[in-house]
């Protein structure tokens, strides 16, 4: 099972939190505040805030650009799997520095 480790804000009791696919599905599902079956940019931003993104609005925007295949400005249930896969693959990775 894929896991991602994310550093959270310094005041968080656990400085590194690990999320599984199921965890992320739960986080993103809970942030569908109006229960319309899709995620808006503001709902995505709140979800990324919860999982500890340093730049949640930017991350939400980038994930929306990547996963919104029908270009309606939302992550629909048909696009949800693509969002989760992309977050598991890319979120929380450290940038390599050149020596």
Protein backbone atom coordinates (compact mmCIF):
# COMPACT_ATOMS: atom_id res chain seq x y z
CA UNK A 1 0.00 0.00 0.00
CA UNK A 2 1.30 3.43 -0.91
CA UNK A 3 2.08 5.83 1.93
CA UNK A 4 3.17 9.43 1.90
CA UNK A 5 4.84 11.18 4.78
CA UNK A 6 4.11 14.84 5.20
CA UNK A 7 5.67 17.31 7.53
CA UNK A 8 3.05 19.38 9.26
CA UNK A 9 3.21 22.75 10.94
CA UNK A 10 5.77 23.01 13.73
CA UNK A 11 3.11 23.22 16.44
CA UNK A 12 1.57 19.88 15.45
CA UNK A 13 2.16 17.20 18.12
CA UNK A 14 3.40 14.76 15.49
CA UNK A 15 5.96 16.44 13.19
CA UNK A 16 5.48 13.83 10.43
CA UNK A 17 2.13 12.35 9.49
CA UNK A 18 1.76 9.36 7.19
CA UNK A 19 -1.27 9.06 4.91
CA UNK A 20 -2.45 5.98 3.05
CA UNK A 21 -4.71 6.03 0.00
CA UNK A 22 -7.70 5.31 2.25
CA UNK A 23 -6.72 8.16 4.57
CA UNK A 24 -6.56 10.60 1.66
CA UNK A 25 -9.87 9.41 0.25
CA UNK A 26 -11.41 10.09 3.67
CA UNK A 27 -9.85 13.54 3.96
CA UNK A 28 -10.98 14.64 0.52
CA UNK A 29 -14.46 13.12 0.96
CA UNK A 30 -14.95 14.96 4.26
CA UNK A 31 -14.07 18.24 2.56
CA UNK A 32 -16.98 17.97 0.13
CA UNK A 33 -18.79 20.37 2.45
CA UNK A 34 -21.98 20.79 0.40
CA UNK A 35 -22.13 17.06 -0.46
CA UNK A 36 -22.51 17.72 -4.18
CA UNK A 37 -20.11 14.90 -5.12
CA UNK A 38 -17.35 17.19 -6.33
CA UNK A 39 -14.55 19.27 -4.86
CA UNK A 40 -14.19 22.99 -5.47
CA UNK A 41 -10.93 24.90 -5.22
CA UNK A 42 -11.87 26.08 -1.71
CA UNK A 43 -12.72 22.54 -0.59
CA UNK A 44 -9.41 21.29 -2.03
CA UNK A 45 -7.55 24.09 -0.26
CA UNK A 46 -9.09 23.13 3.09
CA UNK A 47 -8.19 19.47 2.52
CA UNK A 48 -4.58 20.38 1.75
CA UNK A 49 -4.49 22.56 4.86
CA UNK A 50 -5.60 19.56 6.92
CA UNK A 51 -2.93 17.27 5.54
CA UNK A 52 -0.20 19.82 6.15
CA UNK A 53 0.55 21.41 2.80
CA UNK A 54 2.87 24.40 3.15
CA UNK A 55 1.05 26.19 0.30
CA UNK A 56 -2.49 24.74 0.33
CA UNK A 57 -4.05 27.16 -2.17
CA UNK A 58 -1.24 26.61 -4.67
CA UNK A 59 -1.40 22.84 -4.19
CA UNK A 60 -5.18 22.91 -4.65
CA UNK A 61 -4.82 24.93 -7.84
CA UNK A 62 -2.13 22.63 -9.25
CA UNK A 63 -4.10 19.49 -8.42
CA UNK A 64 -7.21 20.99 -9.99
CA UNK A 65 -5.25 21.76 -13.17
CA UNK A 66 -3.91 18.21 -13.23
CA UNK A 67 -7.08 16.27 -12.38
CA UNK A 68 -9.95 18.34 -13.82
CA UNK A 69 -10.25 16.47 -17.12
CA UNK A 70 -13.57 18.05 -18.18
CA UNK A 71 -12.35 21.56 -17.27
CA UNK A 72 -15.44 22.48 -15.25
CA UNK A 73 -13.44 23.88 -12.32
CA UNK A 74 -14.20 20.98 -9.97
CA UNK A 75 -12.88 17.53 -9.15
CA UNK A 76 -15.87 15.34 -10.01
CA UNK A 77 -16.27 11.79 -8.74
CA UNK A 78 -15.01 10.51 -12.12
CA UNK A 79 -11.78 12.50 -11.60
CA UNK A 80 -11.38 11.70 -7.90
CA UNK A 81 -9.15 8.66 -8.43
CA UNK A 82 -6.79 10.67 -10.62
CA UNK A 83 -6.51 13.30 -7.86
CA UNK A 84 -5.73 10.70 -5.18
CA UNK A 85 -3.20 8.91 -7.40
CA UNK A 86 -1.44 12.18 -8.19
CA UNK A 87 -1.32 13.26 -4.55
CA UNK A 88 0.12 9.88 -3.51
CA UNK A 89 2.72 10.07 -6.27
CA UNK A 90 3.82 13.68 -5.87
CA UNK A 91 2.75 15.32 -2.64
CA UNK A 92 5.26 15.52 0.18
CA UNK A 93 8.30 14.79 -1.96
CA UNK A 94 11.35 16.83 -1.12
CA UNK A 95 12.99 18.75 -3.91
CA UNK A 96 16.53 17.58 -4.63
CA UNK A 97 19.18 20.23 -4.34
CA UNK A 98 22.15 20.46 -6.66
CA UNK A 99 25.55 20.08 -5.01
